N, C-alpha and C. Protein backbone atom coordinates (compact mmCIF):
# COMPACT_ATOMS: atom_id res chain seq x y z
N SER A 1 0.84 -1.19 0.00
CA SER A 1 0.00 0.00 0.00
C SER A 1 0.88 1.24 0.00
N ILE A 2 0.30 2.34 -0.46
CA ILE A 2 1.00 3.61 -0.47
C ILE A 2 0.06 4.67 0.12
N CYS A 3 0.60 5.83 0.34
CA CYS A 3 -0.19 6.95 0.86
C CYS A 3 -0.60 7.87 -0.28
N SER A 4 -1.75 8.49 -0.11
CA SER A 4 -2.23 9.43 -1.11
C SER A 4 -1.20 10.52 -1.34
N GLY A 5 -1.05 10.87 -2.61
CA GLY A 5 -0.04 11.88 -2.96
C GLY A 5 1.28 11.29 -3.35
N THR A 6 1.44 9.96 -3.18
CA THR A 6 2.67 9.28 -3.62
C THR A 6 2.32 8.34 -4.76
N SER A 7 3.30 7.65 -5.29
CA SER A 7 3.08 6.76 -6.42
C SER A 7 3.84 5.46 -6.21
N TYR A 8 3.43 4.45 -6.96
CA TYR A 8 4.07 3.14 -6.92
C TYR A 8 4.51 2.78 -8.33
N ILE A 9 5.76 2.39 -8.48
CA ILE A 9 6.29 2.00 -9.79
C ILE A 9 6.37 0.48 -9.84
N THR A 10 5.67 -0.10 -10.79
CA THR A 10 5.63 -1.56 -10.91
C THR A 10 6.93 -2.09 -11.49
N SER A 11 7.05 -3.42 -11.37
CA SER A 11 8.25 -4.07 -11.92
C SER A 11 8.31 -3.96 -13.44
N TRP A 12 7.13 -3.69 -14.04
CA TRP A 12 7.14 -3.53 -15.50
C TRP A 12 7.17 -2.06 -15.92
N GLY A 13 7.36 -1.16 -14.93
CA GLY A 13 7.65 0.23 -15.27
C GLY A 13 6.49 1.19 -15.25
N ASP A 14 5.27 0.73 -14.91
CA ASP A 14 4.13 1.64 -14.83
C ASP A 14 4.15 2.40 -13.50
N THR A 15 3.69 3.62 -13.54
CA THR A 15 3.56 4.44 -12.32
C THR A 15 2.09 4.49 -11.93
N LEU A 16 1.79 4.00 -10.72
CA LEU A 16 0.41 3.89 -10.26
C LEU A 16 0.16 4.87 -9.11
N THR A 17 -1.02 5.49 -9.12
CA THR A 17 -1.37 6.44 -8.06
C THR A 17 -2.74 6.17 -7.47
N ALA A 18 -3.48 5.17 -7.95
CA ALA A 18 -4.84 4.90 -7.47
C ALA A 18 -4.97 3.44 -7.06
N SER A 19 -5.90 3.19 -6.13
CA SER A 19 -6.14 1.81 -5.68
C SER A 19 -6.69 0.98 -6.83
N GLY A 20 -6.37 -0.32 -6.81
CA GLY A 20 -6.90 -1.23 -7.83
C GLY A 20 -5.99 -2.43 -8.04
N ILE A 21 -6.48 -3.34 -8.89
CA ILE A 21 -5.68 -4.51 -9.27
C ILE A 21 -5.11 -4.25 -10.66
N TYR A 22 -3.81 -4.38 -10.74
CA TYR A 22 -3.11 -4.08 -11.99
C TYR A 22 -2.34 -5.33 -12.43
N CYS A 23 -2.50 -5.67 -13.70
CA CYS A 23 -1.82 -6.86 -14.23
C CYS A 23 -1.03 -6.49 -15.49
N HIS A 24 0.04 -7.26 -15.68
CA HIS A 24 0.85 -7.09 -16.89
C HIS A 24 1.03 -8.46 -17.54
N GLN A 25 0.79 -8.48 -18.84
CA GLN A 25 0.87 -9.74 -19.57
C GLN A 25 2.27 -9.92 -20.16
N TYR A 26 2.77 -11.15 -19.97
CA TYR A 26 4.08 -11.51 -20.54
C TYR A 26 3.86 -12.62 -21.58
N ASN A 27 4.48 -12.51 -22.71
CA ASN A 27 4.45 -13.54 -23.75
C ASN A 27 5.89 -13.99 -24.02
N ASN A 28 6.09 -15.33 -23.90
CA ASN A 28 7.45 -15.79 -24.17
C ASN A 28 7.56 -16.25 -25.63
N GLN A 29 8.74 -16.71 -25.98
CA GLN A 29 9.01 -17.04 -27.38
C GLN A 29 8.28 -18.29 -27.85
N TYR A 30 7.71 -19.05 -26.90
CA TYR A 30 7.01 -20.28 -27.28
C TYR A 30 5.49 -20.08 -27.33
N GLY A 31 5.09 -18.84 -27.13
CA GLY A 31 3.66 -18.55 -27.22
C GLY A 31 2.91 -18.69 -25.91
N PHE A 32 3.63 -18.96 -24.85
CA PHE A 32 2.95 -19.05 -23.56
C PHE A 32 2.72 -17.64 -22.99
N VAL A 33 1.56 -17.48 -22.34
CA VAL A 33 1.18 -16.19 -21.74
C VAL A 33 1.15 -16.33 -20.23
N SER A 34 1.73 -15.34 -19.54
CA SER A 34 1.66 -15.29 -18.05
C SER A 34 1.32 -13.86 -17.64
N TYR A 35 0.84 -13.76 -16.42
CA TYR A 35 0.44 -12.45 -15.90
C TYR A 35 1.11 -12.19 -14.55
N ASN A 36 1.49 -10.96 -14.36
CA ASN A 36 2.00 -10.50 -13.06
C ASN A 36 1.02 -9.43 -12.57
N CYS A 37 0.38 -9.69 -11.44
CA CYS A 37 -0.65 -8.77 -10.93
C CYS A 37 -0.29 -8.26 -9.54
N ILE A 38 -0.70 -7.05 -9.26
CA ILE A 38 -0.57 -6.49 -7.91
C ILE A 38 -1.91 -5.87 -7.52
N ASN A 39 -2.19 -5.93 -6.22
CA ASN A 39 -3.39 -5.29 -5.66
C ASN A 39 -2.91 -4.09 -4.85
N LEU A 40 -3.12 -2.91 -5.38
CA LEU A 40 -2.58 -1.69 -4.76
C LEU A 40 -3.66 -0.97 -3.97
N THR A 41 -3.33 -0.61 -2.74
CA THR A 41 -4.22 0.18 -1.90
C THR A 41 -3.58 1.54 -1.65
N VAL A 42 -4.33 2.59 -1.94
CA VAL A 42 -3.86 3.95 -1.67
C VAL A 42 -4.59 4.47 -0.43
N ASN A 43 -3.86 4.64 0.65
CA ASN A 43 -4.45 5.09 1.92
C ASN A 43 -4.53 6.62 1.96
N PRO A 44 -5.62 7.16 2.52
CA PRO A 44 -5.75 8.62 2.59
C PRO A 44 -4.78 9.23 3.59
N ILE A 45 -4.45 10.49 3.35
CA ILE A 45 -3.63 11.22 4.30
C ILE A 45 -4.49 11.53 5.54
N PRO A 46 -4.00 11.22 6.74
CA PRO A 46 -4.81 11.50 7.93
C PRO A 46 -4.96 13.01 8.16
N THR A 47 -6.04 13.35 8.82
CA THR A 47 -6.31 14.75 9.16
C THR A 47 -5.94 15.00 10.61
N ILE A 48 -5.20 16.05 10.85
CA ILE A 48 -4.82 16.40 12.22
C ILE A 48 -5.22 17.84 12.49
N CYS A 49 -5.61 18.12 13.71
CA CYS A 49 -5.94 19.49 14.10
C CYS A 49 -5.47 19.71 15.53
N ILE A 50 -5.43 20.96 15.94
CA ILE A 50 -4.96 21.31 17.28
C ILE A 50 -6.11 21.91 18.06
N ASP A 51 -6.43 21.30 19.20
CA ASP A 51 -7.41 21.83 20.13
C ASP A 51 -6.67 22.51 21.28
N SER A 52 -7.29 23.52 21.89
CA SER A 52 -6.65 24.22 23.00
C SER A 52 -7.56 24.20 24.22
N SER A 53 -6.94 24.21 25.40
CA SER A 53 -7.69 24.17 26.65
C SER A 53 -8.24 25.54 27.02
N GLY A 54 -7.84 26.57 26.32
CA GLY A 54 -8.29 27.92 26.62
C GLY A 54 -7.82 28.87 25.55
N PRO A 55 -7.92 30.18 25.81
CA PRO A 55 -7.48 31.17 24.82
C PRO A 55 -6.00 31.03 24.49
N LEU A 56 -5.66 31.37 23.25
CA LEU A 56 -4.26 31.33 22.83
C LEU A 56 -3.54 32.63 23.18
N ASN A 57 -4.28 33.63 23.65
CA ASN A 57 -3.68 34.88 24.16
C ASN A 57 -3.92 34.94 25.66
N PHE A 58 -2.86 35.01 26.44
CA PHE A 58 -3.00 35.09 27.89
C PHE A 58 -1.80 35.83 28.46
N CYS A 59 -1.87 36.11 29.76
CA CYS A 59 -0.83 36.91 30.41
C CYS A 59 0.26 36.01 31.00
N GLU A 60 1.46 36.57 31.16
CA GLU A 60 2.57 35.81 31.73
C GLU A 60 2.16 35.24 33.08
N GLY A 61 2.63 34.03 33.32
CA GLY A 61 2.20 33.29 34.50
C GLY A 61 1.10 32.30 34.20
N GLY A 62 0.45 32.45 33.05
CA GLY A 62 -0.59 31.53 32.63
C GLY A 62 -0.04 30.47 31.70
N SER A 63 -0.91 29.64 31.19
CA SER A 63 -0.50 28.59 30.26
C SER A 63 -1.72 28.12 29.46
N VAL A 64 -1.45 27.38 28.41
CA VAL A 64 -2.51 26.75 27.63
C VAL A 64 -2.00 25.38 27.20
N THR A 65 -2.89 24.40 27.19
CA THR A 65 -2.53 23.05 26.75
C THR A 65 -3.07 22.84 25.34
N LEU A 66 -2.18 22.51 24.43
CA LEU A 66 -2.54 22.19 23.05
C LEU A 66 -2.62 20.68 22.91
N SER A 67 -3.68 20.20 22.27
CA SER A 67 -3.90 18.76 22.14
C SER A 67 -4.20 18.40 20.69
N ALA A 68 -3.72 17.22 20.29
CA ALA A 68 -3.99 16.72 18.95
C ALA A 68 -5.44 16.28 18.85
N GLY A 69 -6.10 16.66 17.75
CA GLY A 69 -7.48 16.27 17.53
C GLY A 69 -7.68 15.73 16.13
N CYS A 70 -8.94 15.55 15.75
CA CYS A 70 -9.35 14.98 14.46
C CYS A 70 -9.01 13.49 14.40
N ASP A 71 -8.29 13.01 13.41
CA ASP A 71 -8.03 11.58 13.29
C ASP A 71 -7.13 11.07 14.41
N SER A 72 -7.32 9.80 14.78
CA SER A 72 -6.46 9.16 15.77
C SER A 72 -5.19 8.67 15.10
N LEU A 73 -4.06 9.14 15.57
CA LEU A 73 -2.77 8.80 14.96
C LEU A 73 -1.92 7.98 15.92
N VAL A 74 -0.86 7.41 15.37
CA VAL A 74 0.03 6.55 16.16
C VAL A 74 1.16 7.35 16.78
N THR A 75 1.71 8.28 16.02
CA THR A 75 2.81 9.10 16.52
C THR A 75 2.49 10.57 16.27
N TYR A 76 3.04 11.43 17.13
CA TYR A 76 2.85 12.86 17.00
C TYR A 76 4.21 13.56 17.15
N THR A 77 4.36 14.67 16.47
CA THR A 77 5.58 15.47 16.60
C THR A 77 5.20 16.94 16.65
N TRP A 78 5.63 17.60 17.73
CA TRP A 78 5.43 19.04 17.88
C TRP A 78 6.68 19.78 17.45
N LEU A 79 6.47 20.88 16.77
CA LEU A 79 7.57 21.75 16.37
C LEU A 79 7.35 23.12 16.99
N PRO A 80 8.41 23.81 17.43
CA PRO A 80 9.82 23.50 17.14
C PRO A 80 10.52 22.64 18.19
N ASN A 81 9.84 22.21 19.26
CA ASN A 81 10.55 21.55 20.35
C ASN A 81 10.74 20.05 20.14
N GLY A 82 10.03 19.44 19.19
CA GLY A 82 10.28 18.04 18.86
C GLY A 82 9.69 17.04 19.83
N GLU A 83 8.76 17.44 20.69
CA GLU A 83 8.14 16.48 21.61
C GLU A 83 7.20 15.56 20.84
N HIS A 84 7.15 14.28 21.30
CA HIS A 84 6.32 13.27 20.62
C HIS A 84 5.19 12.85 21.56
N THR A 85 4.31 13.77 21.87
CA THR A 85 3.21 13.52 22.77
C THR A 85 1.92 14.06 22.14
N PRO A 86 0.76 13.51 22.55
CA PRO A 86 -0.51 14.01 21.98
C PRO A 86 -0.87 15.41 22.45
N SER A 87 -0.24 15.88 23.54
CA SER A 87 -0.57 17.22 24.04
C SER A 87 0.71 17.93 24.47
N LEU A 88 0.60 19.25 24.56
CA LEU A 88 1.76 20.08 24.87
C LEU A 88 1.29 21.27 25.69
N THR A 89 1.93 21.52 26.84
CA THR A 89 1.62 22.68 27.66
C THR A 89 2.55 23.82 27.27
N VAL A 90 1.96 24.97 26.94
CA VAL A 90 2.71 26.11 26.42
C VAL A 90 2.70 27.24 27.44
N LEU A 91 3.89 27.80 27.71
CA LEU A 91 4.04 28.89 28.66
C LEU A 91 4.53 30.17 28.01
N THR A 92 5.06 30.09 26.80
CA THR A 92 5.70 31.24 26.17
C THR A 92 5.12 31.49 24.78
N SER A 93 5.29 32.72 24.30
CA SER A 93 4.82 33.08 22.97
C SER A 93 5.55 32.29 21.90
N GLY A 94 4.87 32.04 20.79
CA GLY A 94 5.51 31.37 19.67
C GLY A 94 4.49 30.70 18.77
N THR A 95 4.98 30.16 17.68
CA THR A 95 4.16 29.38 16.76
C THR A 95 4.45 27.90 16.99
N TYR A 96 3.42 27.14 17.27
CA TYR A 96 3.55 25.72 17.60
C TYR A 96 2.84 24.90 16.53
N CYS A 97 3.58 23.94 15.97
CA CYS A 97 3.07 23.15 14.85
C CYS A 97 3.05 21.67 15.23
N LEU A 98 2.17 20.93 14.55
CA LEU A 98 1.99 19.51 14.86
C LEU A 98 1.74 18.72 13.58
N PHE A 99 2.40 17.55 13.49
CA PHE A 99 2.04 16.59 12.46
C PHE A 99 2.11 15.20 13.08
N GLY A 100 1.49 14.22 12.41
CA GLY A 100 1.47 12.87 12.96
C GLY A 100 1.40 11.83 11.88
N THR A 101 1.58 10.59 12.28
CA THR A 101 1.57 9.45 11.37
C THR A 101 0.56 8.43 11.85
N ASP A 102 -0.23 7.87 10.91
CA ASP A 102 -1.25 6.90 11.30
C ASP A 102 -0.71 5.47 11.21
N ALA A 103 -1.60 4.51 11.46
CA ALA A 103 -1.19 3.10 11.48
C ALA A 103 -0.74 2.60 10.12
N ASN A 104 -1.12 3.29 9.05
CA ASN A 104 -0.70 2.89 7.70
C ASN A 104 0.65 3.49 7.32
N GLY A 105 1.22 4.30 8.21
CA GLY A 105 2.49 4.95 7.91
C GLY A 105 2.34 6.23 7.12
N CYS A 106 1.10 6.71 6.99
CA CYS A 106 0.87 7.95 6.25
C CYS A 106 0.97 9.14 7.20
N THR A 107 1.63 10.19 6.74
CA THR A 107 1.89 11.37 7.56
C THR A 107 0.94 12.49 7.18
N SER A 108 0.39 13.12 8.20
CA SER A 108 -0.57 14.21 7.98
C SER A 108 0.16 15.46 7.49
N ASP A 109 -0.62 16.41 7.04
CA ASP A 109 -0.08 17.75 6.83
C ASP A 109 0.27 18.36 8.19
N THR A 110 1.04 19.40 8.18
CA THR A 110 1.42 20.10 9.40
C THR A 110 0.48 21.27 9.63
N VAL A 111 -0.06 21.34 10.86
CA VAL A 111 -0.93 22.46 11.24
C VAL A 111 -0.25 23.26 12.35
N CYS A 112 -0.54 24.55 12.40
CA CYS A 112 0.15 25.44 13.35
C CYS A 112 -0.85 26.37 14.03
N VAL A 113 -0.51 26.77 15.25
CA VAL A 113 -1.24 27.83 15.96
C VAL A 113 -0.21 28.78 16.55
N THR A 114 -0.62 30.02 16.76
CA THR A 114 0.25 31.02 17.35
C THR A 114 -0.25 31.37 18.74
N VAL A 115 0.65 31.30 19.72
CA VAL A 115 0.35 31.62 21.11
C VAL A 115 1.03 32.94 21.46
N THR A 116 0.27 33.85 22.05
CA THR A 116 0.80 35.15 22.46
C THR A 116 0.67 35.30 23.97
N VAL A 117 1.80 35.50 24.64
CA VAL A 117 1.82 35.68 26.09
C VAL A 117 2.10 37.15 26.38
N GLY A 118 1.14 37.83 26.99
CA GLY A 118 1.28 39.25 27.28
C GLY A 118 2.13 39.51 28.51
N THR A 119 2.86 40.60 28.48
CA THR A 119 3.71 41.01 29.61
C THR A 119 2.93 41.94 30.51
N ALA A 120 3.01 41.69 31.82
CA ALA A 120 2.34 42.56 32.79
C ALA A 120 3.09 43.89 32.88
N PRO A 121 2.38 44.99 33.12
CA PRO A 121 3.04 46.30 33.18
C PRO A 121 3.90 46.44 34.43
N ASP A 122 4.86 47.35 34.35
CA ASP A 122 5.66 47.72 35.53
C ASP A 122 4.87 48.76 36.32
N VAL A 123 4.68 48.50 37.61
CA VAL A 123 3.92 49.40 38.47
C VAL A 123 4.67 49.60 39.78
N THR A 124 4.86 50.85 40.18
CA THR A 124 5.47 51.16 41.47
C THR A 124 4.61 52.22 42.17
N VAL A 125 4.80 52.30 43.49
CA VAL A 125 4.06 53.27 44.30
C VAL A 125 5.06 54.22 44.95
N ASN A 126 4.75 55.50 44.92
CA ASN A 126 5.59 56.52 45.54
C ASN A 126 4.77 57.32 46.56
N PRO A 127 5.25 57.40 47.81
CA PRO A 127 6.34 56.62 48.40
C PRO A 127 5.93 55.15 48.56
N ALA A 128 6.91 54.28 48.63
CA ALA A 128 6.65 52.85 48.49
C ALA A 128 6.11 52.20 49.76
N GLY A 129 6.31 52.83 50.96
CA GLY A 129 5.92 52.14 52.18
C GLY A 129 6.90 51.01 52.49
N PRO A 130 6.60 50.15 53.47
CA PRO A 130 5.40 50.13 54.30
C PRO A 130 5.35 51.32 55.26
N PHE A 131 4.16 51.53 55.85
CA PHE A 131 3.96 52.66 56.74
C PHE A 131 3.55 52.16 58.13
N THR A 132 4.18 52.74 59.13
CA THR A 132 3.79 52.49 60.52
C THR A 132 3.44 53.84 61.14
N ILE A 133 2.20 53.99 61.60
CA ILE A 133 1.73 55.27 62.12
C ILE A 133 1.03 55.05 63.45
N CYS A 134 0.85 56.12 64.16
CA CYS A 134 0.05 56.08 65.38
C CYS A 134 -1.41 56.31 65.03
N GLU A 135 -2.28 55.79 65.89
CA GLU A 135 -3.70 55.98 65.69
C GLU A 135 -4.02 57.47 65.61
N GLY A 136 -4.78 57.84 64.61
CA GLY A 136 -5.13 59.23 64.41
C GLY A 136 -4.21 59.96 63.45
N SER A 137 -3.08 59.35 63.12
CA SER A 137 -2.15 59.96 62.18
C SER A 137 -2.52 59.56 60.75
N SER A 138 -1.93 60.23 59.80
CA SER A 138 -2.24 59.98 58.39
C SER A 138 -1.01 59.46 57.66
N ILE A 139 -1.26 58.77 56.57
CA ILE A 139 -0.17 58.41 55.67
C ILE A 139 -0.19 59.42 54.52
N PRO A 140 0.95 59.64 53.90
CA PRO A 140 1.02 60.69 52.87
C PRO A 140 0.24 60.27 51.62
N PRO A 141 -0.01 61.22 50.74
CA PRO A 141 -0.62 60.85 49.45
C PRO A 141 0.26 59.84 48.72
N LEU A 142 -0.37 58.91 48.03
CA LEU A 142 0.34 57.88 47.28
C LEU A 142 0.07 58.07 45.80
N SER A 143 1.09 57.79 45.00
CA SER A 143 0.97 57.98 43.55
C SER A 143 1.61 56.82 42.82
N ALA A 144 0.96 56.37 41.76
CA ALA A 144 1.47 55.27 40.95
C ALA A 144 2.35 55.79 39.82
N SER A 145 3.32 54.98 39.45
CA SER A 145 4.11 55.26 38.26
C SER A 145 4.38 53.94 37.55
N GLY A 146 4.65 54.01 36.28
CA GLY A 146 4.89 52.80 35.49
C GLY A 146 4.31 52.94 34.11
N ASN A 147 4.18 51.81 33.42
CA ASN A 147 3.70 51.85 32.03
C ASN A 147 2.31 51.25 31.87
N ALA A 148 1.56 51.14 32.96
CA ALA A 148 0.17 50.71 32.86
C ALA A 148 -0.67 51.83 32.24
N THR A 149 -1.80 51.46 31.67
CA THR A 149 -2.68 52.46 31.05
C THR A 149 -3.86 52.81 31.94
N SER A 150 -4.13 52.03 32.97
CA SER A 150 -5.19 52.36 33.93
C SER A 150 -4.80 51.81 35.30
N TYR A 151 -5.32 52.47 36.34
CA TYR A 151 -4.99 52.10 37.71
C TYR A 151 -6.24 52.17 38.57
N TYR A 152 -6.24 51.36 39.65
CA TYR A 152 -7.24 51.55 40.70
C TYR A 152 -6.68 51.05 42.03
N TRP A 153 -7.17 51.68 43.11
CA TRP A 153 -6.78 51.33 44.48
C TRP A 153 -7.90 50.51 45.10
N SER A 154 -7.53 49.48 45.90
CA SER A 154 -8.53 48.62 46.51
C SER A 154 -7.99 48.01 47.78
N CYS A 155 -8.52 46.87 48.17
CA CYS A 155 -8.24 46.20 49.46
C CYS A 155 -8.69 47.13 50.59
N ASP A 156 -7.80 47.49 51.52
CA ASP A 156 -8.18 48.34 52.65
C ASP A 156 -8.10 49.82 52.30
N ALA A 157 -7.61 50.15 51.12
CA ALA A 157 -7.60 51.54 50.69
C ALA A 157 -8.99 51.95 50.23
N PRO A 158 -9.35 53.22 50.35
CA PRO A 158 -10.61 53.67 49.75
C PRO A 158 -10.59 53.39 48.25
N PHE A 159 -11.64 52.74 47.75
CA PHE A 159 -11.62 52.39 46.33
C PHE A 159 -11.53 53.67 45.49
N THR A 160 -10.50 53.73 44.70
CA THR A 160 -10.22 54.93 43.91
C THR A 160 -9.75 54.52 42.53
N VAL A 161 -10.35 55.09 41.50
CA VAL A 161 -9.91 54.84 40.12
C VAL A 161 -8.92 55.93 39.74
N GLY A 162 -7.74 55.51 39.29
CA GLY A 162 -6.71 56.46 38.91
C GLY A 162 -5.42 56.18 39.66
N PRO A 163 -4.33 56.81 39.26
CA PRO A 163 -3.02 56.50 39.84
C PRO A 163 -2.78 57.14 41.20
N ASP A 164 -3.56 58.14 41.58
CA ASP A 164 -3.26 58.91 42.79
C ASP A 164 -4.27 58.61 43.89
N LEU A 165 -3.76 58.44 45.11
CA LEU A 165 -4.59 58.24 46.29
C LEU A 165 -4.29 59.36 47.28
N PRO A 166 -5.29 60.17 47.62
CA PRO A 166 -5.04 61.25 48.58
C PRO A 166 -4.63 60.72 49.94
N SER A 167 -4.11 61.61 50.77
CA SER A 167 -3.73 61.24 52.14
C SER A 167 -4.92 60.65 52.87
N THR A 168 -4.69 59.57 53.60
CA THR A 168 -5.76 58.90 54.35
C THR A 168 -5.36 58.74 55.80
N THR A 169 -6.36 58.51 56.64
CA THR A 169 -6.12 58.30 58.08
C THR A 169 -6.71 56.95 58.45
N PRO A 170 -5.97 55.86 58.22
CA PRO A 170 -6.51 54.53 58.54
C PRO A 170 -6.64 54.35 60.05
N THR A 171 -7.68 53.66 60.49
CA THR A 171 -7.90 53.41 61.92
C THR A 171 -7.42 52.03 62.34
N THR A 172 -7.20 51.14 61.38
CA THR A 172 -6.71 49.80 61.69
C THR A 172 -5.61 49.44 60.71
N SER A 173 -4.80 48.49 61.11
CA SER A 173 -3.75 47.99 60.22
C SER A 173 -4.37 47.27 59.04
N GLY A 174 -3.68 47.25 57.93
CA GLY A 174 -4.21 46.57 56.75
C GLY A 174 -3.28 46.69 55.57
N THR A 175 -3.83 46.52 54.39
CA THR A 175 -3.05 46.54 53.16
C THR A 175 -3.76 47.40 52.12
N TYR A 176 -3.01 48.32 51.55
CA TYR A 176 -3.50 49.10 50.42
C TYR A 176 -3.00 48.43 49.14
N CYS A 177 -3.89 48.22 48.19
CA CYS A 177 -3.53 47.54 46.95
C CYS A 177 -3.69 48.49 45.77
N LEU A 178 -2.69 48.50 44.92
CA LEU A 178 -2.74 49.26 43.67
C LEU A 178 -2.61 48.29 42.51
N THR A 179 -3.57 48.35 41.59
CA THR A 179 -3.55 47.48 40.42
C THR A 179 -3.43 48.34 39.17
N GLY A 180 -2.42 48.02 38.35
CA GLY A 180 -2.24 48.68 37.07
C GLY A 180 -2.43 47.70 35.93
N THR A 181 -3.20 48.11 34.92
CA THR A 181 -3.52 47.23 33.79
C THR A 181 -2.97 47.83 32.51
N GLY A 182 -2.37 46.97 31.68
CA GLY A 182 -1.82 47.40 30.40
C GLY A 182 -2.81 47.28 29.26
N ASP A 183 -2.40 47.75 28.09
CA ASP A 183 -3.26 47.68 26.90
C ASP A 183 -3.64 46.25 26.54
N ASN A 184 -2.77 45.29 26.90
CA ASN A 184 -3.02 43.90 26.55
C ASN A 184 -3.91 43.19 27.56
N GLY A 185 -4.40 43.91 28.58
CA GLY A 185 -5.28 43.31 29.58
C GLY A 185 -4.55 42.66 30.73
N CYS A 186 -3.23 42.61 30.68
CA CYS A 186 -2.45 42.04 31.77
C CYS A 186 -2.27 43.09 32.87
N PHE A 187 -2.18 42.63 34.11
CA PHE A 187 -2.13 43.58 35.22
C PHE A 187 -1.08 43.18 36.25
N THR A 188 -0.67 44.18 37.02
CA THR A 188 0.25 44.01 38.15
C THR A 188 -0.37 44.66 39.37
N THR A 189 -0.32 43.96 40.50
CA THR A 189 -0.84 44.51 41.76
C THR A 189 0.30 44.68 42.75
N VAL A 190 0.39 45.87 43.34
CA VAL A 190 1.39 46.19 44.35
C VAL A 190 0.66 46.34 45.68
N ASN A 191 1.16 45.68 46.72
CA ASN A 191 0.56 45.74 48.05
C ASN A 191 1.42 46.60 48.98
N ILE A 192 0.78 47.50 49.72
CA ILE A 192 1.48 48.38 50.67
C ILE A 192 0.94 48.08 52.07
N SER A 193 1.83 47.66 52.94
CA SER A 193 1.43 47.30 54.30
C SER A 193 1.28 48.57 55.15
N ILE A 194 0.14 48.65 55.90
CA ILE A 194 -0.14 49.76 56.80
C ILE A 194 -0.27 49.20 58.22
N THR A 195 0.54 49.70 59.14
CA THR A 195 0.45 49.29 60.54
C THR A 195 0.04 50.49 61.38
N VAL A 196 -1.05 50.33 62.13
CA VAL A 196 -1.56 51.40 63.00
C VAL A 196 -1.33 50.99 64.45
N ASN A 197 -0.46 51.73 65.15
CA ASN A 197 -0.20 51.46 66.57
C ASN A 197 -1.19 52.22 67.43
N HIS A 198 -1.72 51.52 68.46
CA HIS A 198 -2.74 52.12 69.32
C HIS A 198 -2.19 52.49 70.69
N GLY A 199 -0.87 52.40 70.91
CA GLY A 199 -0.29 52.78 72.18
C GLY A 199 -0.60 51.82 73.30
N THR A 200 -0.94 50.58 72.95
CA THR A 200 -1.22 49.58 73.98
C THR A 200 0.07 48.92 74.41
N HIS A 201 -0.01 48.17 75.52
CA HIS A 201 1.18 47.46 75.97
C HIS A 201 0.76 46.16 76.64
N ASN A 202 1.71 45.24 76.71
CA ASN A 202 1.47 44.01 77.48
C ASN A 202 2.70 43.77 78.33
N ASP A 203 2.85 42.56 78.87
CA ASP A 203 3.94 42.32 79.82
C ASP A 203 5.31 42.37 79.16
N THR A 204 5.37 42.20 77.85
CA THR A 204 6.68 42.11 77.19
C THR A 204 6.94 43.23 76.21
N THR A 205 5.87 43.86 75.68
CA THR A 205 6.05 44.85 74.62
C THR A 205 5.28 46.11 74.95
N VAL A 206 5.95 47.23 74.73
CA VAL A 206 5.28 48.52 74.91
C VAL A 206 5.37 49.26 73.58
N VAL A 207 4.24 49.73 73.08
CA VAL A 207 4.21 50.52 71.85
C VAL A 207 3.80 51.92 72.26
N ALA A 208 4.70 52.87 72.11
CA ALA A 208 4.41 54.24 72.52
C ALA A 208 4.04 55.07 71.31
N CYS A 209 2.99 55.85 71.43
CA CYS A 209 2.58 56.77 70.39
C CYS A 209 2.42 58.16 70.97
C-alpha cells in the first residue's frame, strides 16, 4: 500500500497512483502467456488538528494546553521543540506546529497555531511604604508610576480609580492595593502594608505613640 499523494512504480515500469488490481501480460518465445498482478491500496492522508484548553492569548504566569485532535494517529511530533506527545503545555509566545503518522504509515499535513503571552506592566508606588503610624495619624498621598494604562486602588484603601490616592487616616492595620492594567489586559498589583499602633502594651512589649 501507499499513501495518497505518492506513487508506486511496478516491476514492469508503470507508475500507479490509485487503488486497484493491476496486471501485466508476458508472452514468451514459445507462445505461452503469463500475468503478473498487484493489488494496490492507496491510503488517505490523515487529518490532524490542534485543540486548545483555553485562549491562545494570555498573560505571563498563565498557560494553555494544546492537544492533537481529528483523526487518531500513532505518533505525534510538535515543532519546534520536537516532543512526541498528543498534548503540549505552552508557557511562552511562539508558533507551535503539529504533524502525525497513522497506522498505515501515512503522515498528515502540518498544522500550526500562534500563542501570544502578554507582559504585565511595571507598576510602582511613591512613596513605596510600608507605613507604621500612630492611631489618628495619616499616611502621605500615594501615587502610581509605570507603564500601565489604567490604575485603581482597593483592598483596605478607599476604592479609587486612577493612579493617585489622597492622604488617608486609617484606623486599623491593613493593606492598600494598587492594580495597574496594560493595553493587553495584563495587570500588576502592588501591596502596601499599613500598621496602626494604638499605644497599647502588654507584659513584654510597649508601643508608645
